PDB file of N, CA and C in Angstrom:
ATOM      1  N   MET A   1      10.008  -0.143 -17.260  1.00  0.00           N
ATOM      2  CA  MET A   1       8.669  -0.027 -17.785  1.00  0.00           C
ATOM      3  C   MET A   1       7.674  -0.820 -16.932  1.00  0.00           C
ATOM      4  N   LEU A   2       8.127  -1.955 -16.439  1.00  0.00           N
ATOM      5  CA  LEU A   2       7.272  -2.770 -15.583  1.00  0.00           C
ATOM      6  C   LEU A   2       6.912  -2.026 -14.308  1.00  0.00           C
ATOM      7  N   GLY A   3       7.849  -1.252 -13.788  1.00  0.00           N
ATOM      8  CA  GLY A   3       7.610  -0.476 -12.575  1.00  0.00           C
ATOM      9  C   GLY A   3       6.527   0.570 -12.760  1.00  0.00           C
ATOM     10  N   LEU A   4       6.449   1.169 -13.946  1.00  0.00           N
ATOM     11  CA  LEU A   4       5.407   2.168 -14.208  1.00  0.00           C
ATOM     12  C   LEU A   4       4.019   1.542 -14.187  1.00  0.00           C
ATOM     13  N   PHE A   5       3.899   0.345 -14.767  1.00  0.00           N
ATOM     14  CA  PHE A   5       2.607  -0.347 -14.724  1.00  0.00           C
ATOM     15  C   PHE A   5       2.227  -0.699 -13.292  1.00  0.00           C
ATOM     16  N   LEU A   6       3.195  -1.136 -12.529  1.00  0.00           N
ATOM     17  CA  LEU A   6       2.949  -1.489 -11.134  1.00  0.00           C
ATOM     18  C   LEU A   6       2.498  -0.271 -10.336  1.00  0.00           C
ATOM     19  N   ILE A   7       3.173   0.855 -10.526  1.00  0.00           N
ATOM     20  CA  ILE A   7       2.795   2.090  -9.837  1.00  0.00           C
ATOM     21  C   ILE A   7       1.398   2.526 -10.250  1.00  0.00           C
ATOM     22  N   PHE A   8       1.087   2.409 -11.537  1.00  0.00           N
ATOM     23  CA  PHE A   8      -0.235   2.790 -12.027  1.00  0.00           C
ATOM     24  C   PHE A   8      -1.327   1.951 -11.371  1.00  0.00           C
ATOM     25  N   PHE A   9      -1.151   0.641 -11.340  1.00  0.00           N
ATOM     26  CA  PHE A   9      -2.192  -0.224 -10.787  1.00  0.00           C
ATOM     27  C   PHE A   9      -2.314  -0.089  -9.270  1.00  0.00           C
ATOM     28  N   ILE A  10      -1.217   0.145  -8.589  1.00  0.00           N
ATOM     29  CA  ILE A  10      -1.289   0.388  -7.143  1.00  0.00           C
ATOM     30  C   ILE A  10      -2.059   1.664  -6.873  1.00  0.00           C
ATOM     31  N   GLY A  11      -1.710   2.731  -7.583  1.00  0.00           N
ATOM     32  CA  GLY A  11      -2.416   3.999  -7.416  1.00  0.00           C
ATOM     33  C   GLY A  11      -3.884   3.894  -7.765  1.00  0.00           C
ATOM     34  N   LYS A  12      -4.194   3.135  -8.810  1.00  0.00           N
ATOM     35  CA  LYS A  12      -5.587   2.965  -9.236  1.00  0.00           C
ATOM     36  C   LYS A  12      -6.407   2.248  -8.173  1.00  0.00           C
ATOM     37  N   ARG A  13      -5.848   1.204  -7.575  1.00  0.00           N
ATOM     38  CA  ARG A  13      -6.580   0.451  -6.546  1.00  0.00           C
ATOM     39  C   ARG A  13      -6.832   1.302  -5.302  1.00  0.00           C
ATOM     40  N   PHE A  14      -5.837   2.063  -4.876  1.00  0.00           N
ATOM     41  CA  PHE A  14      -6.019   2.933  -3.715  1.00  0.00           C
ATOM     42  C   PHE A  14      -6.980   4.074  -4.038  1.00  0.00           C
ATOM     43  N   TYR A  15      -6.954   4.570  -5.263  1.00  0.00           N
ATOM     44  CA  TYR A  15      -7.882   5.613  -5.700  1.00  0.00           C
ATOM     45  C   TYR A  15      -9.317   5.094  -5.626  1.00  0.00           C
ATOM     46  N   GLN A  16      -9.547   3.873  -6.131  1.00  0.00           N
ATOM     47  CA  GLN A  16     -10.887   3.278  -6.104  1.00  0.00           C
ATOM     48  C   GLN A  16     -11.340   2.995  -4.679  1.00  0.00           C
ATOM     49  N   LEU A  17     -10.430   2.554  -3.829  1.00  0.00           N
ATOM     50  CA  LEU A  17     -10.782   2.290  -2.433  1.00  0.00           C
ATOM     51  C   LEU A  17     -11.209   3.568  -1.733  1.00  0.00           C
ATOM     52  N   SER A  18     -10.435   4.621  -1.889  1.00  0.00           N
ATOM     53  CA  SER A  18     -10.780   5.881  -1.226  1.00  0.00           C
ATOM     54  C   SER A  18     -12.033   6.499  -1.827  1.00  0.00           C
ATOM     55  N   GLU A  19     -12.279   6.258  -3.094  1.00  0.00           N
ATOM     56  CA  GLU A  19     -13.496   6.759  -3.732  1.00  0.00           C
ATOM     57  C   GLU A  19     -14.731   6.057  -3.171  1.00  0.00           C
ATOM     58  N   SER A  20     -14.634   4.767  -2.913  1.00  0.00           N
ATOM     59  CA  SER A  20     -15.780   4.027  -2.391  1.00  0.00           C
ATOM     60  C   SER A  20     -16.099   4.390  -0.942  1.00  0.00           C
ATOM     61  N   PHE A  21     -15.127   4.922  -0.208  1.00  0.00           N
ATOM     62  CA  PHE A  21     -15.363   5.332   1.176  1.00  0.00           C
ATOM     63  C   PHE A  21     -15.407   6.854   1.336  1.00  0.00           C
ATOM     64  N   ASN A  22     -15.489   7.576   0.234  1.00  0.00           N
ATOM     65  CA  ASN A  22     -15.579   9.040   0.222  1.00  0.00           C
ATOM     66  C   ASN A  22     -14.419   9.700   0.964  1.00  0.00           C
ATOM     67  N   LYS A  23     -13.228   9.262   0.670  1.00  0.00           N
ATOM     68  CA  LYS A  23     -12.014   9.855   1.238  1.00  0.00           C
ATOM     69  C   LYS A  23     -11.277  10.608   0.133  1.00  0.00           C
ATOM     70  N   SER A  24     -10.194  11.264   0.499  1.00  0.00           N
ATOM     71  CA  SER A  24      -9.388  12.011  -0.470  1.00  0.00           C
ATOM     72  C   SER A  24      -8.735  11.036  -1.454  1.00  0.00           C
ATOM     73  N   LYS A  25      -9.150  11.110  -2.713  1.00  0.00           N
ATOM     74  CA  LYS A  25      -8.730  10.112  -3.698  1.00  0.00           C
ATOM     75  C   LYS A  25      -7.239  10.187  -4.019  1.00  0.00           C
ATOM     76  N   TRP A  26      -6.764  11.365  -4.361  1.00  0.00           N
ATOM     77  CA  TRP A  26      -5.374  11.493  -4.781  1.00  0.00           C
ATOM     78  C   TRP A  26      -4.405  11.320  -3.618  1.00  0.00           C
ATOM     79  N   LEU A  27      -4.801  11.749  -2.448  1.00  0.00           N
ATOM     80  CA  LEU A  27      -3.937  11.587  -1.283  1.00  0.00           C
ATOM     81  C   LEU A  27      -3.661  10.114  -1.021  1.00  0.00           C
ATOM     82  N   PHE A  28      -4.705   9.294  -1.043  1.00  0.00           N
ATOM     83  CA  PHE A  28      -4.508   7.881  -0.730  1.00  0.00           C
ATOM     84  C   PHE A  28      -3.929   7.102  -1.904  1.00  0.00           C
ATOM     85  N   ALA A  29      -4.100   7.594  -3.120  1.00  0.00           N
ATOM     86  CA  ALA A  29      -3.407   6.977  -4.252  1.00  0.00           C
ATOM     87  C   ALA A  29      -1.901   7.186  -4.108  1.00  0.00           C
ATOM     88  N   ILE A  30      -1.512   8.385  -3.722  1.00  0.00           N
ATOM     89  CA  ILE A  30      -0.088   8.678  -3.520  1.00  0.00           C
ATOM     90  C   ILE A  30       0.450   7.935  -2.297  1.00  0.00           C
ATOM     91  N   LEU A  31      -0.351   7.852  -1.228  1.00  0.00           N
ATOM     92  CA  LEU A  31       0.085   7.098  -0.044  1.00  0.00           C
ATOM     93  C   LEU A  31       0.228   5.607  -0.349  1.00  0.00           C
ATOM     94  N   GLY A  32      -0.621   5.078  -1.219  1.00  0.00           N
ATOM     95  CA  GLY A  32      -0.497   3.678  -1.619  1.00  0.00           C
ATOM     96  C   GLY A  32       0.800   3.416  -2.352  1.00  0.00           C
ATOM     97  N   ILE A  33       1.147   4.324  -3.265  1.00  0.00           N
ATOM     98  CA  ILE A  33       2.414   4.194  -3.984  1.00  0.00           C
ATOM     99  C   ILE A  33       3.584   4.356  -3.017  1.00  0.00           C
ATOM    100  N   ALA A  34       3.458   5.292  -2.088  1.00  0.00           N
ATOM    101  CA  ALA A  34       4.515   5.493  -1.088  1.00  0.00           C
ATOM    102  C   ALA A  34       4.672   4.262  -0.202  1.00  0.00           C
ATOM    103  N   SER A  35       3.562   3.575   0.105  1.00  0.00           N
ATOM    104  CA  SER A  35       3.660   2.372   0.939  1.00  0.00           C
ATOM    105  C   SER A  35       4.463   1.277   0.240  1.00  0.00           C
ATOM    106  N   TYR A  36       4.353   1.208  -1.081  1.00  0.00           N
ATOM    107  CA  TYR A  36       5.146   0.244  -1.844  1.00  0.00           C
ATOM    108  C   TYR A  36       6.637   0.550  -1.705  1.00  0.00           C
ATOM    109  N   TYR A  37       6.989   1.815  -1.882  1.00  0.00           N
ATOM    110  CA  TYR A  37       8.402   2.198  -1.809  1.00  0.00           C
ATOM    111  C   TYR A  37       8.948   2.109  -0.386  1.00  0.00           C
ATOM    112  N   ILE A  38       8.131   2.428   0.596  1.00  0.00           N
ATOM    113  CA  ILE A  38       8.577   2.323   1.990  1.00  0.00           C
ATOM    114  C   ILE A  38       8.830   0.867   2.361  1.00  0.00           C
ATOM    115  N   ALA A  39       7.936  -0.030   1.939  1.00  0.00           N
ATOM    116  CA  ALA A  39       8.131  -1.455   2.223  1.00  0.00           C
ATOM    117  C   ALA A  39       9.378  -1.978   1.513  1.00  0.00           C
ATOM    118  N   ASN A  40       9.604  -1.532   0.278  1.00  0.00           N
ATOM    119  CA  ASN A  40      10.827  -1.917  -0.438  1.00  0.00           C
ATOM    120  C   ASN A  40      12.070  -1.426   0.289  1.00  0.00           C
ATOM    121  N   PHE A  41      12.028  -0.179   0.741  1.00  0.00           N
ATOM    122  CA  PHE A  41      13.175   0.399   1.442  1.00  0.00           C
ATOM    123  C   PHE A  41      13.463  -0.352   2.739  1.00  0.00           C
ATOM    124  N   LEU A  42      12.417  -0.637   3.510  1.00  0.00           N
ATOM    125  CA  LEU A  42      12.620  -1.334   4.784  1.00  0.00           C
ATOM    126  C   LEU A  42      13.142  -2.750   4.572  1.00  0.00           C
ATOM    127  N   ALA A  43      12.604  -3.455   3.574  1.00  0.00           N
ATOM    128  CA  ALA A  43      13.094  -4.803   3.293  1.00  0.00           C
ATOM    129  C   ALA A  43      14.543  -4.755   2.821  1.00  0.00           C
ATOM    130  N   GLY A  44      14.872  -3.777   1.989  1.00  0.00           N
ATOM    131  CA  GLY A  44      16.256  -3.629   1.540  1.00  0.00           C
ATOM    132  C   GLY A  44      17.195  -3.301   2.676  1.00  0.00           C
ATOM    133  N   LEU A  45      16.739  -2.464   3.588  1.00  0.00           N
ATOM    134  CA  LEU A  45      17.551  -2.110   4.748  1.00  0.00           C
ATOM    135  C   LEU A  45      17.794  -3.327   5.640  1.00  0.00           C
ATOM    136  N   ILE A  46      16.754  -4.114   5.851  1.00  0.00           N
ATOM    137  CA  ILE A  46      16.896  -5.321   6.678  1.00  0.00           C
ATOM    138  C   ILE A  46      17.872  -6.302   6.034  1.00  0.00           C
ATOM    139  N   PHE A  47      17.738  -6.505   4.721  1.00  0.00           N
ATOM    140  CA  PHE A  47      18.648  -7.435   4.052  1.00  0.00           C
ATOM    141  C   PHE A  47      20.073  -6.899   3.992  1.00  0.00           C
ATOM    142  N   ALA A  48      20.232  -5.583   3.897  1.00  0.00           N
ATOM    143  CA  ALA A  48      21.578  -5.006   3.898  1.00  0.00           C
ATOM    144  C   ALA A  48      22.248  -5.194   5.253  1.00  0.00           C
ATOM    145  N   VAL A  49      21.497  -5.003   6.323  1.00  0.00           N
ATOM    146  CA  VAL A  49      22.055  -5.207   7.664  1.00  0.00           C
ATOM    147  C   VAL A  49      22.386  -6.682   7.873  1.00  0.00           C
ATOM    148  N   MET A  50      21.487  -7.568   7.453  1.00  0.00           N
ATOM    149  CA  MET A  50      21.750  -9.003   7.591  1.00  0.00           C
ATOM    150  C   MET A  50      22.954  -9.425   6.753  1.00  0.00           C
ATOM    151  N   ASP A  51      23.085  -8.838   5.567  1.00  0.00           N
ATOM    152  CA  ASP A  51      24.221  -9.143   4.705  1.00  0.00           C
ATOM    153  C   ASP A  51      25.531  -8.707   5.350  1.00  0.00           C
ATOM    154  N   ASP A  52      25.498  -7.562   5.997  1.00  0.00           N
ATOM    155  CA  ASP A  52      26.705  -7.065   6.654  1.00  0.00           C
ATOM    156  C   ASP A  52      27.034  -7.865   7.916  1.00  0.00           C
ATOM    157  N   VAL A  53      26.014  -8.207   8.691  1.00  0.00           N
ATOM    158  CA  VAL A  53      26.237  -8.935   9.944  1.00  0.00           C
ATOM    159  C   VAL A  53      26.729 -10.357   9.675  1.00  0.00           C
ATOM    160  N   PHE A  54      26.082 -11.044   8.746  1.00  0.00           N
ATOM    161  CA  PHE A  54      26.427 -12.443   8.496  1.00  0.00           C
ATOM    162  C   PHE A  54      27.512 -12.623   7.439  1.00  0.00           C
ATOM    163  N   GLY A  55      27.875 -11.545   6.742  1.00  0.00           N
ATOM    164  CA  GLY A  55      28.955 -11.628   5.765  1.00  0.00           C
ATOM    165  C   GLY A  55      28.619 -12.437   4.533  1.00  0.00           C
ATOM    166  N   TRP A  56      27.401 -12.357   4.060  1.00  0.00           N
ATOM    167  CA  TRP A  56      26.986 -13.139   2.893  1.00  0.00           C
ATOM    168  C   TRP A  56      27.597 -12.611   1.598  1.00  0.00           C
ATOM    169  N   GLY A  57      27.750 -11.307   1.483  1.00  0.00           N
ATOM    170  CA  GLY A  57      28.241 -10.721   0.237  1.00  0.00           C
ATOM    171  C   GLY A  57      27.184 -10.663  -0.841  1.00  0.00           C
ATOM    172  N   PHE A  58      25.949 -10.760  -0.438  1.00  0.00           N
ATOM    173  CA  PHE A  58      24.820 -10.793  -1.374  1.00  0.00           C
ATOM    174  C   PHE A  58      24.705  -9.494  -2.162  1.00  0.00           C
ATOM    175  N   LEU A  59      24.850  -8.370  -1.491  1.00  0.00           N
ATOM    176  CA  LEU A  59      24.651  -7.076  -2.141  1.00  0.00           C
ATOM    177  C   LEU A  59      25.808  -6.699  -3.058  1.00  0.00           C
ATOM    178  N   TYR A  60      26.986  -7.187  -2.785  1.00  0.00           N
ATOM    179  CA  TYR A  60      28.151  -6.818  -3.580  1.00  0.00           C
ATOM    180  C   TYR A  60      28.278  -7.658  -4.842  1.00  0.00           C
ATOM    181  N   GLU A  61      27.725  -8.853  -4.830  1.00  0.00           N
ATOM    182  CA  GLU A  61      27.890  -9.769  -5.957  1.00  0.00           C
ATOM    183  C   GLU A  61      26.665  -9.850  -6.857  1.00  0.00           C
ATOM    184  N   THR A  62      25.601  -9.178  -6.507  1.00  0.00           N
ATOM    185  CA  THR A  62      24.354  -9.277  -7.252  1.00  0.00           C
ATOM    186  C   THR A  62      24.068  -7.952  -7.951  1.00  0.00           C
ATOM    187  N   SER A  63      23.482  -8.036  -9.149  1.00  0.00           N
ATOM    188  CA  SER A  63      23.156  -6.818  -9.891  1.00  0.00           C
ATOM    189  C   SER A  63      21.969  -6.098  -9.251  1.00  0.00           C
ATOM    190  N   GLU A  64      21.840  -4.819  -9.570  1.00  0.00           N
ATOM    191  CA  GLU A  64      20.739  -4.023  -9.014  1.00  0.00           C
ATOM    192  C   GLU A  64      19.388  -4.538  -9.499  1.00  0.00           C
ATOM    193  N   PHE A  65      19.338  -5.016 -10.732  1.00  0.00           N
ATOM    194  CA  PHE A  65      18.091  -5.546 -11.279  1.00  0.00           C
ATOM    195  C   PHE A  65      17.641  -6.783 -10.503  1.00  0.00           C
ATOM    196  N   ALA A  66      18.569  -7.667 -10.189  1.00  0.00           N
ATOM    197  CA  ALA A  66      18.228  -8.875  -9.434  1.00  0.00           C
ATOM    198  C   ALA A  66      17.780  -8.528  -8.019  1.00  0.00           C
ATOM    199  N   ILE A  67      18.417  -7.532  -7.424  1.00  0.00           N
ATOM    200  CA  ILE A  67      18.017  -7.111  -6.074  1.00  0.00           C
ATOM    201  C   ILE A  67      16.625  -6.501  -6.099  1.00  0.00           C
ATOM    202  N   SER A  68      16.334  -5.694  -7.131  1.00  0.00           N
ATOM    203  CA  SER A  68      14.997  -5.097  -7.221  1.00  0.00           C
ATOM    204  C   SER A  68      13.932  -6.164  -7.453  1.00  0.00           C
ATOM    205  N   LEU A  69      14.252  -7.191  -8.233  1.00  0.00           N
ATOM    206  CA  LEU A  69      13.302  -8.298  -8.403  1.00  0.00           C
ATOM    207  C   LEU A  69      13.127  -9.084  -7.106  1.00  0.00           C
ATOM    208  N   PHE A  70      14.197  -9.204  -6.343  1.00  0.00           N
ATOM    209  CA  PHE A  70      14.136  -9.898  -5.061  1.00  0.00           C
ATOM    210  C   PHE A  70      13.266  -9.141  -4.061  1.00  0.00           C
ATOM    211  N   LEU A  71      13.320  -7.803  -4.092  1.00  0.00           N
ATOM    212  CA  LEU A  71      12.563  -6.984  -3.145  1.00  0.00           C
ATOM    213  C   LEU A  71      11.132  -6.705  -3.597  1.00  0.00           C
ATOM    214  N   LEU A  72      10.804  -7.016  -4.830  1.00  0.00           N
ATOM    215  CA  LEU A  72       9.468  -6.752  -5.371  1.00  0.00           C
ATOM    216  C   LEU A  72       8.343  -7.372  -4.543  1.00  0.00           C
ATOM    217  N   PRO A  73       8.419  -8.643  -4.149  1.00  0.00           N
ATOM    218  CA  PRO A  73       7.324  -9.209  -3.342  1.00  0.00           C
ATOM    219  C   PRO A  73       7.142  -8.528  -1.990  1.00  0.00           C
ATOM    220  N   PHE A  74       8.230  -8.038  -1.409  1.00  0.00           N
ATOM    221  CA  PHE A  74       8.115  -7.359  -0.119  1.00  0.00           C
ATOM    222  C   PHE A  74       7.385  -6.032  -0.265  1.00  0.00           C
ATOM    223  N   GLY A  75       7.640  -5.324  -1.353  1.00  0.00           N
ATOM    224  CA  GLY A  75       6.928  -4.080  -1.615  1.00  0.00           C
ATOM    225  C   GLY A  75       5.453  -4.314  -1.864  1.00  0.00           C
ATOM    226  N   ILE A  76       5.148  -5.347  -2.636  1.00  0.00           N
ATOM    227  CA  ILE A  76       3.747  -5.672  -2.916  1.00  0.00           C
ATOM    228  C   ILE A  76       3.043  -6.120  -1.642  1.00  0.00           C
ATOM    229  N   LEU A  77       3.720  -6.892  -0.823  1.00  0.00           N
ATOM    230  CA  LEU A  77       3.132  -7.347   0.437  1.00  0.00           C
ATOM    231  C   LEU A  77       2.866  -6.180   1.383  1.00  0.00           C
ATOM    232  N   GLY A  78       3.787  -5.246   1.472  1.00  0.00           N
ATOM    233  CA  GLY A  78       3.576  -4.064   2.308  1.00  0.00           C
ATOM    234  C   GLY A  78       2.434  -3.206   1.800  1.00  0.00           C
ATOM    235  N   CYS A  79       2.336  -3.080   0.493  1.00  0.00           N
ATOM    236  CA  CYS A  79       1.256  -2.309  -0.118  1.00  0.00           C
ATOM    237  C   CYS A  79      -0.092  -2.989   0.133  1.00  0.00           C
ATOM    238  N   TYR A  80      -0.130  -4.305   0.008  1.00  0.00           N
ATOM    239  CA  TYR A  80      -1.358  -5.058   0.257  1.00  0.00           C
ATOM    240  C   TYR A  80      -1.779  -4.937   1.723  1.00  0.00           C
ATOM    241  N   GLY A  81      -0.819  -4.998   2.623  1.00  0.00           N
ATOM    242  CA  GLY A  81      -1.130  -4.847   4.047  1.00  0.00           C
ATOM    243  C   GLY A  81      -1.699  -3.482   4.365  1.00  0.00           C
ATOM    244  N   PHE A  82      -1.136  -2.427   3.766  1.00  0.00           N
ATOM    245  CA  PHE A  82      -1.648  -1.071   3.975  1.00  0.00           C
ATOM    246  C   PHE A  82      -3.053  -0.931   3.392  1.00  0.00           C
ATOM    247  N   TYR A  83      -3.292  -1.548   2.239  1.00  0.00           N
ATOM    248  CA  TYR A  83      -4.611  -1.525   1.599  1.00  0.00           C
ATOM    249  C   TYR A  83      -5.656  -2.179   2.510  1.00  0.00           C
ATOM    250  N   LYS A  84      -5.332  -3.356   3.033  1.00  0.00           N
ATOM    251  CA  LYS A  84      -6.267  -4.067   3.906  1.00  0.00           C
ATOM    252  C   LYS A  84      -6.482  -3.323   5.223  1.00  0.00           C
ATOM    253  N   LEU A  85      -5.441  -2.680   5.727  1.00  0.00           N
ATOM    254  CA  LEU A  85      -5.568  -1.891   6.946  1.00  0.00           C
ATOM    255  C   LEU A  85      -6.532  -0.722   6.736  1.00  0.00           C
ATOM    256  N   LEU A  86      -6.367   0.008   5.647  1.00  0.00           N
ATOM    257  CA  LEU A  86      -7.278   1.116   5.352  1.00  0.00           C
ATOM    258  C   LEU A  86      -8.703   0.621   5.143  1.00  0.00           C
ATOM    259  N   GLU A  87      -8.843  -0.481   4.424  1.00  0.00           N
ATOM    260  CA  GLU A  87     -10.168  -1.043   4.170  1.00  0.00           C
ATOM    261  C   GLU A  87     -10.846  -1.442   5.479  1.00  0.00           C
ATOM    262  N   HIS A  88     -10.094  -2.036   6.381  1.00  0.00           N
ATOM    263  CA  HIS A  88     -10.639  -2.459   7.671  1.00  0.00           C
ATOM    264  C   HIS A  88     -11.034  -1.259   8.531  1.00  0.00           C
ATOM    265  N   ILE A  89     -10.173  -0.256   8.591  1.00  0.00           N
ATOM    266  CA  ILE A  89     -10.460   0.934   9.401  1.00  0.00           C
ATOM    267  C   ILE A  89     -11.659   1.681   8.846  1.00  0.00           C
ATOM    268  N   TRP A  90     -11.706   1.849   7.539  1.00  0.00           N
ATOM    269  CA  TRP A  90     -12.800   2.615   6.938  1.00  0.00           C
ATOM    270  C   TRP A  90     -14.125   1.868   6.978  1.00  0.00           C
ATOM    271  N   SER A  91     -14.096   0.549   6.958  1.00  0.00           N
ATOM    272  CA  SER A  91     -15.356  -0.202   7.010  1.00  0.00           C
ATOM    273  C   SER A  91     -15.968  -0.163   8.408  1.00  0.00           C
ATOM    274  N   LYS A  92     -15.170   0.130   9.438  1.00  0.00           N
ATOM    275  CA  LYS A  92     -15.690   0.231  10.802  1.00  0.00           C
ATOM    276  C   LYS A  92     -16.366   1.570  11.067  1.00  0.00           C
ATOM    277  N   GLU A  93     -16.042   2.596  10.288  1.00  0.00           N
ATOM    278  CA  GLU A  93     -16.627   3.913  10.502  1.00  0.00           C
ATOM    279  C   GLU A  93     -18.115   3.875  10.181  1.00  0.00           C
ATOM    280  N   PRO A  94     -18.934   4.499  11.032  1.00  0.00           N
ATOM    281  CA  PRO A  94     -20.368   4.527  10.730  1.00  0.00           C
ATOM    282  C   PRO A  94     -20.633   5.413   9.521  1.00  0.00           C
ATOM    283  N   LYS A  95     -21.522   4.941   8.678  1.00  0.00           N
ATOM    284  CA  LYS A  95     -21.873   5.709   7.491  1.00  0.00           C
ATOM    285  C   LYS A  95     -23.023   6.640   7.816  1.00  0.00           C
ATOM    286  N   SER A  96     -22.896   7.864   7.366  1.00  0.00           N
ATOM    287  CA  SER A  96     -23.959   8.837   7.608  1.00  0.00           C
ATOM    288  C   SER A  96     -25.090   8.597   6.615  1.00  0.00           C
ATOM    289  N   PRO A  97     -26.322   8.731   7.065  1.00  0.00           N
ATOM    290  CA  PRO A  97     -27.449   8.511   6.156  1.00  0.00           C
ATOM    291  C   PRO A  97     -27.533   9.637   5.131  1.00  0.00           C
ATOM    292  N   ASP A  98     -28.118   9.327   3.984  1.00  0.00           N
ATOM    293  CA  ASP A  98     -28.248  10.310   2.919  1.00  0.00           C
ATOM    294  C   ASP A  98     -29.393  11.283   3.174  1.00  0.00           C
ATOM    295  N   THR A  99     -30.310  10.916   4.044  1.00  0.00           N
ATOM    296  CA  THR A  99     -31.451  11.786   4.315  1.00  0.00           C
ATOM    297  C   THR A  99     -31.151  12.712   5.482  1.00  0.00           C
ATOM    298  N   ILE A 100     -31.810  13.851   5.477  1.00  0.00           N
ATOM    299  CA  ILE A 100     -31.595  14.833   6.540  1.00  0.00           C
ATOM    300  C   ILE A 100     -32.289  14.393   7.824  1.00  0.00           C
ATOM    301  N   ASP A 101     -33.529  13.955   7.716  1.00  0.00           N
ATOM    302  CA  ASP A 101     -34.320  13.581   8.887  1.00  0.00           C
ATOM    303  C   ASP A 101     -34.464  12.069   8.998  1.00  0.00           C
ATOM    304  N   GLY A 102     -33.438  11.331   8.664  1.00  0.00           N
ATOM    305  CA  GLY A 102     -33.519   9.879   8.672  1.00  0.00           C
ATOM    306  C   GLY A 102     -33.740   9.295  10.051  1.00  0.00           C
ATOM    307  N   ASP A 103     -33.300   9.989  11.098  1.00  0.00           N
ATOM    308  CA  ASP A 103     -33.459   9.478  12.458  1.00  0.00           C
ATOM    309  C   ASP A 103     -34.878   9.668  12.977  1.00  0.00           C
ATOM    310  N   TYR A 104     -35.609  10.627  12.420  1.00  0.00           N
ATOM    311  CA  TYR A 104     -36.932  10.950  12.942  1.00  0.00           C
ATOM    312  C   TYR A 104     -38.040  10.128  12.308  1.00  0.00           C
ATOM    313  N   PHE A 105     -37.822   9.644  11.111  1.00  0.00           N
ATOM    314  CA  PHE A 105     -38.848   8.881  10.417  1.00  0.00           C
ATOM    315  C   PHE A 105     -38.437   7.422  10.361  1.00  0.00           C
ATOM    316  N   VAL A 106     -39.191   6.586  11.038  1.00  0.00           N
ATOM    317  CA  VAL A 106     -38.888   5.166  11.093  1.00  0.00           C
ATOM    318  C   VAL A 106     -40.038   4.419  10.441  1.00  0.00           C
ATOM    319  N   ALA A 107     -39.729   3.558   9.478  1.00  0.00           N
ATOM    320  CA  ALA A 107     -40.766   2.776   8.808  1.00  0.00           C
ATOM    321  C   ALA A 107     -41.193   1.633   9.715  1.00  0.00           C
ATOM    322  N   LYS A 108     -42.501   1.423   9.793  1.00  0.00           N
ATOM    323  CA  LYS A 108     -43.017   0.336  10.638  1.00  0.00           C
ATOM    324  C   LYS A 108     -43.562  -0.784   9.808  1.00  0.00           C
TER     325      LYS A 108
END
């Protein structure tokens, strides 16, 4: 149940970000949620390889719930990084003026 709330709030934040920059709202909400799962997968893969190389036995002796709680900060961190990356890229784009002839009329 906690995961559903997390997915909802991640999607909501990416939806609001894309709405403020006039981008595709649902596409970036879904990409935000996907960034969480991709970061979780990559962190899990790294820890699985490290567990196998160093022989810790971490994955075999720990429950799935504990592993998911362990990987939660990595997913949130990856999602936050993707959010800041999009925000930075979109803030650099020049904004088009709302007026048609805005370039021709200059206030003095």
